Amino acid sequence: MNLKACFFAFALASLGLAAAAPADAAGRHKSRDRATADSFPMKSDEYRKLVDKRVDKVRAAIDKKLDRAGVSADRKKAIHKILDEESKDLRAEVAKATADGTVTEGEAGKVKTLTMGLRARVRERLRAEKNPKAKATLAAIRAKEAKAKADEAKTAKAAKQKAEHDKTQKAVHAAKETAAKEKEKEKAAREKAAKRAAAKLGKSAKAKKPAKAKPNKHAVVKKPAKARAKKHKRSAKSESPSAAAL
């Protein structure tokens, strides 16, 4: 009875360990993925080293397979050349991603896709060397890829030109608005200065204008000499006796 109980306990413990092991592995894998995701944006030098390591792993896997097949050194050298040729797009994407000094997660995703497909591209080249039909298919695929790449470059160039044109137009519009505002400001300043000058001139004229003298009721108004002589003649004529009266 005790032996059965011990065996049952041991079986339960084994199942618990077996269940815990995948969970721990999944946790470690998840934490590793999280650490990788959190490492972006990454510096350009660090990312280049990371890509070089991935390419070296692909090269090592190919060499391992070639060594198992007993491939000669010259043939291995030729295959390495094919690997380098198929890595051109990958290198170009890396250069594009690292141009600004940092690599974002989105840029790294594009490079990772090319890295993961690198070994398959080498296999396609090797297969095309032996099979004319596969060679024609590969040529069509490469032509399609080249066209897509050219279209993408053309679209990117057009977008860049449009962005530069919009930026220039925006700068011109801003300059015109600034000039118009400055012109309005100068006009307002001139009008204000003219009003101020007119007000100042009006005050000066008002200050220089003489005050009107009030009339004096008690002052004797002297009549003109001609009027006085006429009056005197009239009075003298009325006082002298006429010829009839004498």
C-alpha atoms as a PDB file:
ATOM      1  CA  MET A   1       0.000   0.000   0.000  1.00  0.00           C
ATOM      2  CA  ASN A   2       2.768   2.432   0.869  1.00  0.00           C
ATOM      3  CA  LEU A   3       4.594   1.490  -2.309  1.00  0.00           C
ATOM      4  CA  LYS A   4       1.550   2.319  -4.407  1.00  0.00           C
ATOM      5  CA  ALA A   5       1.136   5.652  -2.639  1.00  0.00           C
ATOM      6  CA  CYS A   6       4.800   6.513  -3.278  1.00  0.00           C
ATOM      7  CA  PHE A   7       4.502   5.558  -6.942  1.00  0.00           C
ATOM      8  CA  PHE A   8       1.337   7.655  -7.318  1.00  0.00           C
ATOM      9  CA  ALA A   9       3.034  10.663  -5.721  1.00  0.00           C
ATOM     10  CA  PHE A  10       6.056  10.251  -7.990  1.00  0.00           C
ATOM     11  CA  ALA A  11       3.810  10.111 -11.074  1.00  0.00           C
ATOM     12  CA  LEU A  12       2.028  13.297 -10.042  1.00  0.00           C
ATOM     13  CA  ALA A  13       5.346  15.069  -9.455  1.00  0.00           C
ATOM     14  CA  SER A  14       6.606  13.974 -12.893  1.00  0.00           C
ATOM     15  CA  LEU A  15       3.483  15.291 -14.574  1.00  0.00           C
ATOM     16  CA  GLY A  16       3.853  18.567 -12.714  1.00  0.00           C
ATOM     17  CA  LEU A  17       7.451  18.945 -13.861  1.00  0.00           C
ATOM     18  CA  ALA A  18       6.515  18.045 -17.427  1.00  0.00           C
ATOM     19  CA  ALA A  19       3.748  20.649 -17.420  1.00  0.00           C
ATOM     20  CA  ALA A  20       5.985  23.272 -15.843  1.00  0.00           C
ATOM     21  CA  ALA A  21       8.856  22.775 -18.324  1.00  0.00           C
ATOM     22  CA  PRO A  22       6.956  23.962 -21.448  1.00  0.00           C
ATOM     23  CA  ALA A  23       5.506  26.822 -19.466  1.00  0.00           C
ATOM     24  CA  ASP A  24       8.962  27.888 -18.348  1.00  0.00           C
ATOM     25  CA  ALA A  25      10.299  27.552 -21.893  1.00  0.00           C
ATOM     26  CA  ALA A  26       7.394  29.589 -23.240  1.00  0.00           C
ATOM     27  CA  GLY A  27       8.000  32.200 -20.557  1.00  0.00           C
ATOM     28  CA  ARG A  28      11.687  32.418 -21.440  1.00  0.00           C
ATOM     29  CA  HIS A  29      10.858  32.632 -25.145  1.00  0.00           C
ATOM     30  CA  LYS A  30       8.262  35.339 -24.480  1.00  0.00           C
ATOM     31  CA  SER A  31      10.642  37.331 -22.314  1.00  0.00           C
ATOM     32  CA  ARG A  32      13.347  37.014 -24.973  1.00  0.00           C
ATOM     33  CA  ASP A  33      10.943  38.278 -27.636  1.00  0.00           C
ATOM     34  CA  ARG A  34       9.908  41.134 -25.394  1.00  0.00           C
ATOM     35  CA  ALA A  35      13.539  42.062 -24.781  1.00  0.00           C
ATOM     36  CA  THR A  36      14.199  42.004 -28.526  1.00  0.00           C
ATOM     37  CA  ALA A  37      11.153  44.151 -29.229  1.00  0.00           C
ATOM     38  CA  ASP A  38      12.095  46.596 -26.502  1.00  0.00           C
ATOM     39  CA  SER A  39      15.560  47.039 -28.020  1.00  0.00           C
ATOM     40  CA  PHE A  40      14.172  49.213 -30.819  1.00  0.00           C
ATOM     41  CA  PRO A  41      14.954  51.816 -31.928  1.00  0.00           C
ATOM     42  CA  MET A  42      18.489  50.459 -32.174  1.00  0.00           C
ATOM     43  CA  LYS A  43      21.717  52.255 -33.030  1.00  0.00           C
ATOM     44  CA  SER A  44      22.984  51.746 -36.575  1.00  0.00           C
ATOM     45  CA  ASP A  45      26.300  50.119 -35.615  1.00  0.00           C
ATOM     46  CA  GLU A  46      24.613  47.623 -33.316  1.00  0.00           C
ATOM     47  CA  TYR A  47      22.049  46.729 -35.938  1.00  0.00           C
ATOM     48  CA  ARG A  48      24.669  46.199 -38.635  1.00  0.00           C
ATOM     49  CA  LYS A  49      26.471  43.763 -36.328  1.00  0.00           C
ATOM     50  CA  LEU A  50      23.179  41.968 -35.691  1.00  0.00           C
ATOM     51  CA  VAL A  51      22.496  41.574 -39.423  1.00  0.00           C
ATOM     52  CA  ASP A  52      26.055  40.413 -40.063  1.00  0.00           C
ATOM     53  CA  LYS A  53      25.597  37.688 -37.442  1.00  0.00           C
ATOM     54  CA  ARG A  54      22.375  36.537 -39.114  1.00  0.00           C
ATOM     55  CA  VAL A  55      24.038  36.411 -42.538  1.00  0.00           C
ATOM     56  CA  ASP A  56      26.973  34.501 -41.038  1.00  0.00           C
ATOM     57  CA  LYS A  57      24.518  31.961 -39.602  1.00  0.00           C
ATOM     58  CA  VAL A  58      22.998  31.471 -43.047  1.00  0.00           C
ATOM     59  CA  ARG A  59      26.495  31.057 -44.524  1.00  0.00           C
ATOM     60  CA  ALA A  60      27.432  28.545 -41.811  1.00  0.00           C
ATOM     61  CA  ALA A  61      24.264  26.507 -42.439  1.00  0.00           C
ATOM     62  CA  ILE A  62      25.014  26.413 -46.177  1.00  0.00           C
ATOM     63  CA  ASP A  63      28.648  25.448 -45.571  1.00  0.00           C
ATOM     64  CA  LYS A  64      27.564  22.687 -43.220  1.00  0.00           C
ATOM     65  CA  LYS A  65      25.328  21.203 -45.888  1.00  0.00           C
ATOM     66  CA  LEU A  66      28.024  21.595 -48.550  1.00  0.00           C
ATOM     67  CA  ASP A  67      30.594  19.881 -46.335  1.00  0.00           C
ATOM     68  CA  ARG A  68      28.230  16.950 -45.806  1.00  0.00           C
ATOM     69  CA  ALA A  69      27.812  16.659 -49.584  1.00  0.00           C
ATOM     70  CA  GLY A  70      31.594  16.775 -50.097  1.00  0.00           C
ATOM     71  CA  VAL A  71      31.497  19.881 -52.300  1.00  0.00           C
ATOM     72  CA  SER A  72      34.887  21.098 -53.502  1.00  0.00           C
ATOM     73  CA  ALA A  73      36.459  24.336 -52.312  1.00  0.00           C
ATOM     74  CA  ASP A  74      36.045  25.988 -55.722  1.00  0.00           C
ATOM     75  CA  ARG A  75      32.354  25.113 -55.841  1.00  0.00           C
ATOM     76  CA  LYS A  76      31.900  26.358 -52.293  1.00  0.00           C
ATOM     77  CA  LYS A  77      33.588  29.599 -53.297  1.00  0.00           C
ATOM     78  CA  ALA A  78      31.183  29.981 -56.230  1.00  0.00           C
ATOM     79  CA  ILE A  79      28.212  29.381 -53.921  1.00  0.00           C
ATOM     80  CA  HIS A  80      29.549  31.994 -51.518  1.00  0.00           C
ATOM     81  CA  LYS A  81      29.650  34.407 -54.446  1.00  0.00           C
ATOM     82  CA  ILE A  82      25.986  33.630 -55.175  1.00  0.00           C
ATOM     83  CA  LEU A  83      25.200  34.259 -51.499  1.00  0.00           C
ATOM     84  CA  ASP A  84      26.901  37.651 -51.674  1.00  0.00           C
ATOM     85  CA  GLU A  85      25.011  38.549 -54.859  1.00  0.00           C
ATOM     86  CA  GLU A  86      21.674  37.568 -53.331  1.00  0.00           C
ATOM     87  CA  SER A  87      22.544  39.646 -50.260  1.00  0.00           C
ATOM     88  CA  LYS A  88      22.698  42.904 -52.239  1.00  0.00           C
ATOM     89  CA  ASP A  89      19.043  43.754 -51.670  1.00  0.00           C
ATOM     90  CA  LEU A  90      19.489  42.928 -47.996  1.00  0.00           C
ATOM     91  CA  ARG A  91      22.544  45.168 -47.725  1.00  0.00           C
ATOM     92  CA  ALA A  92      20.736  47.974 -49.550  1.00  0.00           C
ATOM     93  CA  GLU A  93      17.813  47.751 -47.134  1.00  0.00           C
ATOM     94  CA  VAL A  94      20.209  47.782 -44.173  1.00  0.00           C
ATOM     95  CA  ALA A  95      21.928  50.894 -45.554  1.00  0.00           C
ATOM     96  CA  LYS A  96      18.549  52.546 -46.011  1.00  0.00           C
ATOM     97  CA  ALA A  97      17.436  51.633 -42.494  1.00  0.00           C
ATOM     98  CA  THR A  98      20.654  52.817 -40.835  1.00  0.00           C
ATOM     99  CA  ALA A  99      20.997  56.072 -42.816  1.00  0.00           C
ATOM    100  CA  ASP A 100      19.559  58.243 -40.024  1.00  0.00           C
ATOM    101  CA  GLY A 101      21.632  56.665 -37.249  1.00  0.00           C
ATOM    102  CA  THR A 102      18.862  54.553 -35.732  1.00  0.00           C
ATOM    103  CA  VAL A 103      16.750  51.591 -36.846  1.00  0.00           C
ATOM    104  CA  THR A 104      13.068  51.300 -35.994  1.00  0.00           C
ATOM    105  CA  GLU A 105      11.186  48.057 -35.482  1.00  0.00           C
ATOM    106  CA  GLY A 106       9.383  48.496 -38.801  1.00  0.00           C
ATOM    107  CA  GLU A 107      12.647  48.954 -40.705  1.00  0.00           C
ATOM    108  CA  ALA A 108      14.119  45.930 -38.953  1.00  0.00           C
ATOM    109  CA  GLY A 109      11.095  43.872 -39.990  1.00  0.00           C
ATOM    110  CA  LYS A 110      11.793  44.511 -43.677  1.00  0.00           C
ATOM    111  CA  VAL A 111      15.431  43.489 -43.271  1.00  0.00           C
ATOM    112  CA  LYS A 112      14.452  40.393 -41.296  1.00  0.00           C
ATOM    113  CA  THR A 113      12.140  39.272 -44.102  1.00  0.00           C
ATOM    114  CA  LEU A 114      14.997  39.513 -46.598  1.00  0.00           C
ATOM    115  CA  THR A 115      17.357  37.704 -44.207  1.00  0.00           C
ATOM    116  CA  MET A 116      14.940  34.828 -43.697  1.00  0.00           C
ATOM    117  CA  GLY A 117      14.512  34.436 -47.461  1.00  0.00           C
ATOM    118  CA  LEU A 118      18.231  34.620 -48.222  1.00  0.00           C
ATOM    119  CA  ARG A 119      18.865  30.868 -48.081  1.00  0.00           C
ATOM    120  CA  ALA A 120      15.858  30.163 -50.295  1.00  0.00           C
ATOM    121  CA  ARG A 121      17.126  32.643 -52.886  1.00  0.00           C
ATOM    122  CA  VAL A 122      20.490  30.875 -52.964  1.00  0.00           C
ATOM    123  CA  ARG A 123      18.728  27.525 -53.486  1.00  0.00           C
ATOM    124  CA  GLU A 124      16.730  29.032 -56.366  1.00  0.00           C
ATOM    125  CA  ARG A 125      19.940  30.195 -58.028  1.00  0.00           C
ATOM    126  CA  LEU A 126      21.560  26.783 -57.652  1.00  0.00           C
ATOM    127  CA  ARG A 127      18.441  25.051 -58.973  1.00  0.00           C
ATOM    128  CA  ALA A 128      18.310  27.419 -61.945  1.00  0.00           C
ATOM    129  CA  GLU A 129      21.868  26.468 -62.932  1.00  0.00           C
ATOM    130  CA  LYS A 130      20.792  22.904 -63.602  1.00  0.00           C
ATOM    131  CA  ASN A 131      17.259  23.381 -64.939  1.00  0.00           C
ATOM    132  CA  PRO A 132      16.590  25.767 -67.872  1.00  0.00           C
ATOM    133  CA  LYS A 133      12.917  25.943 -66.996  1.00  0.00           C
ATOM    134  CA  ALA A 134      13.727  26.904 -63.426  1.00  0.00           C
ATOM    135  CA  LYS A 135      16.198  29.440 -64.783  1.00  0.00           C
ATOM    136  CA  ALA A 136      13.462  31.074 -66.897  1.00  0.00           C
ATOM    137  CA  THR A 137      11.105  31.102 -63.929  1.00  0.00           C
ATOM    138  CA  LEU A 138      13.775  32.654 -61.739  1.00  0.00           C
ATOM    139  CA  ALA A 139      14.515  35.286 -64.395  1.00  0.00           C
ATOM    140  CA  ALA A 140      10.818  36.210 -64.495  1.00  0.00           C
ATOM    141  CA  ILE A 141      10.708  36.447 -60.715  1.00  0.00           C
ATOM    142  CA  ARG A 142      13.799  38.646 -60.631  1.00  0.00           C
ATOM    143  CA  ALA A 143      12.385  40.883 -63.383  1.00  0.00           C
ATOM    144  CA  LYS A 144       9.162  41.260 -61.424  1.00  0.00           C
ATOM    145  CA  GLU A 145      11.108  42.088 -58.274  1.00  0.00           C
ATOM    146  CA  ALA A 146      13.234  44.616 -60.170  1.00  0.00           C
ATOM    147  CA  LYS A 147      10.111  46.286 -61.573  1.00  0.00           C
ATOM    148  CA  ALA A 148       8.486  46.438 -58.147  1.00  0.00           C
ATOM    149  CA  LYS A 149      11.663  47.909 -56.719  1.00  0.00           C
ATOM    150  CA  ALA A 150      11.872  50.504 -59.508  1.00  0.00           C
ATOM    151  CA  ASP A 151       8.206  51.435 -59.022  1.00  0.00           C
ATOM    152  CA  GLU A 152       8.766  51.785 -55.305  1.00  0.00           C
ATOM    153  CA  ALA A 153      11.794  54.005 -55.888  1.00  0.00           C
ATOM    154  CA  LYS A 154       9.825  56.097 -58.392  1.00  0.00           C
ATOM    155  CA  THR A 155       6.937  56.495 -55.945  1.00  0.00           C
ATOM    156  CA  ALA A 156       9.314  57.411 -53.157  1.00  0.00           C
ATOM    157  CA  LYS A 157      11.050  59.971 -55.379  1.00  0.00           C
ATOM    158  CA  ALA A 158       7.725  61.510 -56.421  1.00  0.00           C
ATOM    159  CA  ALA A 159       6.603  61.672 -52.807  1.00  0.00           C
ATOM    160  CA  LYS A 160       9.873  63.330 -51.830  1.00  0.00           C
ATOM    161  CA  GLN A 161       9.592  65.884 -54.646  1.00  0.00           C
ATOM    162  CA  LYS A 162       5.994  66.625 -53.685  1.00  0.00           C
ATOM    163  CA  ALA A 163       6.991  67.067 -50.052  1.00  0.00           C
ATOM    164  CA  GLU A 164       9.787  69.460 -51.054  1.00  0.00           C
ATOM    165  CA  HIS A 165       7.419  71.379 -53.357  1.00  0.00           C
ATOM    166  CA  ASP A 166       4.780  71.649 -50.630  1.00  0.00           C
ATOM    167  CA  LYS A 167       7.432  72.817 -48.201  1.00  0.00           C
ATOM    168  CA  THR A 168       8.627  75.487 -50.649  1.00  0.00           C
ATOM    169  CA  GLN A 169       5.082  76.673 -51.344  1.00  0.00           C
ATOM    170  CA  LYS A 170       4.377  76.810 -47.641  1.00  0.00           C
ATOM    171  CA  ALA A 171       7.513  78.895 -47.080  1.00  0.00           C
ATOM    172  CA  VAL A 172       6.559  81.274 -49.923  1.00  0.00           C
ATOM    173  CA  HIS A 173       3.026  81.629 -48.562  1.00  0.00           C
ATOM    174  CA  ALA A 174       4.382  82.283 -45.076  1.00  0.00           C
ATOM    175  CA  ALA A 175       6.790  84.902 -46.460  1.00  0.00           C
ATOM    176  CA  LYS A 176       3.934  86.635 -48.304  1.00  0.00           C
ATOM    177  CA  GLU A 177       1.784  86.652 -45.190  1.00  0.00           C
ATOM    178  CA  THR A 178       4.662  88.069 -43.162  1.00  0.00           C
ATOM    179  CA  ALA A 179       5.283  90.797 -45.778  1.00  0.00           C
ATOM    180  CA  ALA A 180       1.573  91.672 -45.859  1.00  0.00           C
ATOM    181  CA  LYS A 181       1.450  91.889 -42.074  1.00  0.00           C
ATOM    182  CA  GLU A 182       4.552  94.090 -42.029  1.00  0.00           C
ATOM    183  CA  LYS A 183       3.000  96.336 -44.701  1.00  0.00           C
ATOM    184  CA  GLU A 184      -0.231  96.663 -42.720  1.00  0.00           C
ATOM    185  CA  LYS A 185       1.771  97.369 -39.601  1.00  0.00           C
ATOM    186  CA  GLU A 186       3.767 100.117 -41.345  1.00  0.00           C
ATOM    187  CA  LYS A 187       0.570 101.625 -42.774  1.00  0.00           C
ATOM    188  CA  ALA A 188      -1.072 101.671 -39.345  1.00  0.00           C
ATOM    189  CA  ALA A 189       2.047 103.275 -37.887  1.00  0.00           C
ATOM    190  CA  ARG A 190       2.056 105.986 -40.581  1.00  0.00           C
ATOM    191  CA  GLU A 191      -1.634 106.733 -40.043  1.00  0.00           C
ATOM    192  CA  LYS A 192      -1.119 106.918 -36.315  1.00  0.00           C
ATOM    193  CA  ALA A 193       1.869 109.253 -36.752  1.00  0.00           C
ATOM    194  CA  ALA A 194      -0.157 111.468 -39.145  1.00  0.00           C
ATOM    195  CA  LYS A 195      -3.035 111.700 -36.675  1.00  0.00           C
ATOM    196  CA  ARG A 196      -0.639 112.528 -33.884  1.00  0.00           C
ATOM    197  CA  ALA A 197       1.037 115.231 -35.988  1.00  0.00           C
ATOM    198  CA  ALA A 198      -2.329 116.721 -36.972  1.00  0.00           C
ATOM    199  CA  ALA A 199      -3.473 116.780 -33.365  1.00  0.00           C
ATOM    200  CA  LYS A 200      -0.224 118.422 -32.317  1.00  0.00           C
ATOM    201  CA  LEU A 201      -0.532 121.045 -35.092  1.00  0.00           C
ATOM    202  CA  GLY A 202      -4.110 121.816 -34.079  1.00  0.00           C
ATOM    203  CA  LYS A 203      -3.106 122.380 -30.489  1.00  0.00           C
ATOM    204  CA  SER A 204      -0.253 124.697 -31.569  1.00  0.00           C
ATOM    205  CA  ALA A 205      -2.552 126.807 -33.823  1.00  0.00           C
ATOM    206  CA  LYS A 206      -5.116 127.117 -31.067  1.00  0.00           C
ATOM    207  CA  ALA A 207      -2.473 128.284 -28.644  1.00  0.00           C
ATOM    208  CA  LYS A 208      -1.165 131.002 -31.050  1.00  0.00           C
ATOM    209  CA  LYS A 209      -4.637 132.412 -32.013  1.00  0.00           C
ATOM    210  CA  PRO A 210      -5.289 135.837 -30.213  1.00  0.00           C
ATOM    211  CA  ALA A 211      -8.313 136.136 -27.965  1.00  0.00           C
ATOM    212  CA  LYS A 212     -11.203 138.357 -29.096  1.00  0.00           C
ATOM    213  CA  ALA A 213     -11.485 141.693 -27.178  1.00  0.00           C
ATOM    214  CA  LYS A 214     -14.784 142.256 -25.403  1.00  0.00           C
ATOM    215  CA  PRO A 215     -16.641 145.492 -26.359  1.00  0.00           C
ATOM    216  CA  ASN A 216     -16.617 148.293 -23.744  1.00  0.00           C
ATOM    217  CA  LYS A 217     -20.065 149.763 -23.248  1.00  0.00           C
ATOM    218  CA  HIS A 218     -18.768 152.963 -21.640  1.00  0.00           C
ATOM    219  CA  ALA A 219     -16.119 153.750 -24.241  1.00  0.00           C
ATOM    220  CA  VAL A 220     -16.722 156.765 -26.495  1.00  0.00           C
ATOM    221  CA  VAL A 221     -16.838 155.797 -30.088  1.00  0.00           C
ATOM    222  CA  LYS A 222     -15.231 158.433 -32.216  1.00  0.00           C
ATOM    223  CA  LYS A 223     -16.775 158.989 -35.576  1.00  0.00           C
ATOM    224  CA  PRO A 224     -14.633 159.537 -38.623  1.00  0.00           C
ATOM    225  CA  ALA A 225     -13.443 163.104 -39.386  1.00  0.00           C
ATOM    226  CA  LYS A 226     -15.454 163.306 -42.607  1.00  0.00           C
ATOM    227  CA  ALA A 227     -18.662 162.431 -40.779  1.00  0.00           C
ATOM    228  CA  ARG A 228     -17.909 165.015 -38.085  1.00  0.00           C
ATOM    229  CA  ALA A 229     -17.294 167.769 -40.678  1.00  0.00           C
ATOM    230  CA  LYS A 230     -20.554 166.979 -42.434  1.00  0.00           C
ATOM    231  CA  LYS A 231     -22.476 167.131 -39.188  1.00  0.00           C
ATOM    232  CA  HIS A 232     -20.839 170.425 -38.264  1.00  0.00           C
ATOM    233  CA  LYS A 233     -21.722 171.936 -41.637  1.00  0.00           C
ATOM    234  CA  ARG A 234     -25.310 170.829 -41.295  1.00  0.00           C
ATOM    235  CA  SER A 235     -25.613 172.315 -37.834  1.00  0.00           C
ATOM    236  CA  ALA A 236     -24.018 175.591 -38.960  1.00  0.00           C
ATOM    237  CA  LYS A 237     -26.408 175.853 -41.856  1.00  0.00           C
ATOM    238  CA  SER A 238     -29.420 175.417 -39.678  1.00  0.00           C
ATOM    239  CA  GLU A 239     -28.297 178.114 -37.185  1.00  0.00           C
ATOM    240  CA  SER A 240     -27.677 180.937 -39.763  1.00  0.00           C
ATOM    241  CA  PRO A 241     -30.852 183.042 -40.642  1.00  0.00           C
ATOM    242  CA  SER A 242     -32.114 182.754 -44.090  1.00  0.00           C
ATOM    243  CA  ALA A 243     -32.491 185.755 -46.395  1.00  0.00           C
ATOM    244  CA  ALA A 244     -36.247 185.674 -46.054  1.00  0.00           C
ATOM    245  CA  ALA A 245     -36.107 185.847 -42.320  1.00  0.00           C
ATOM    246  CA  LEU A 246     -33.962 188.998 -42.389  1.00  0.00           C
END
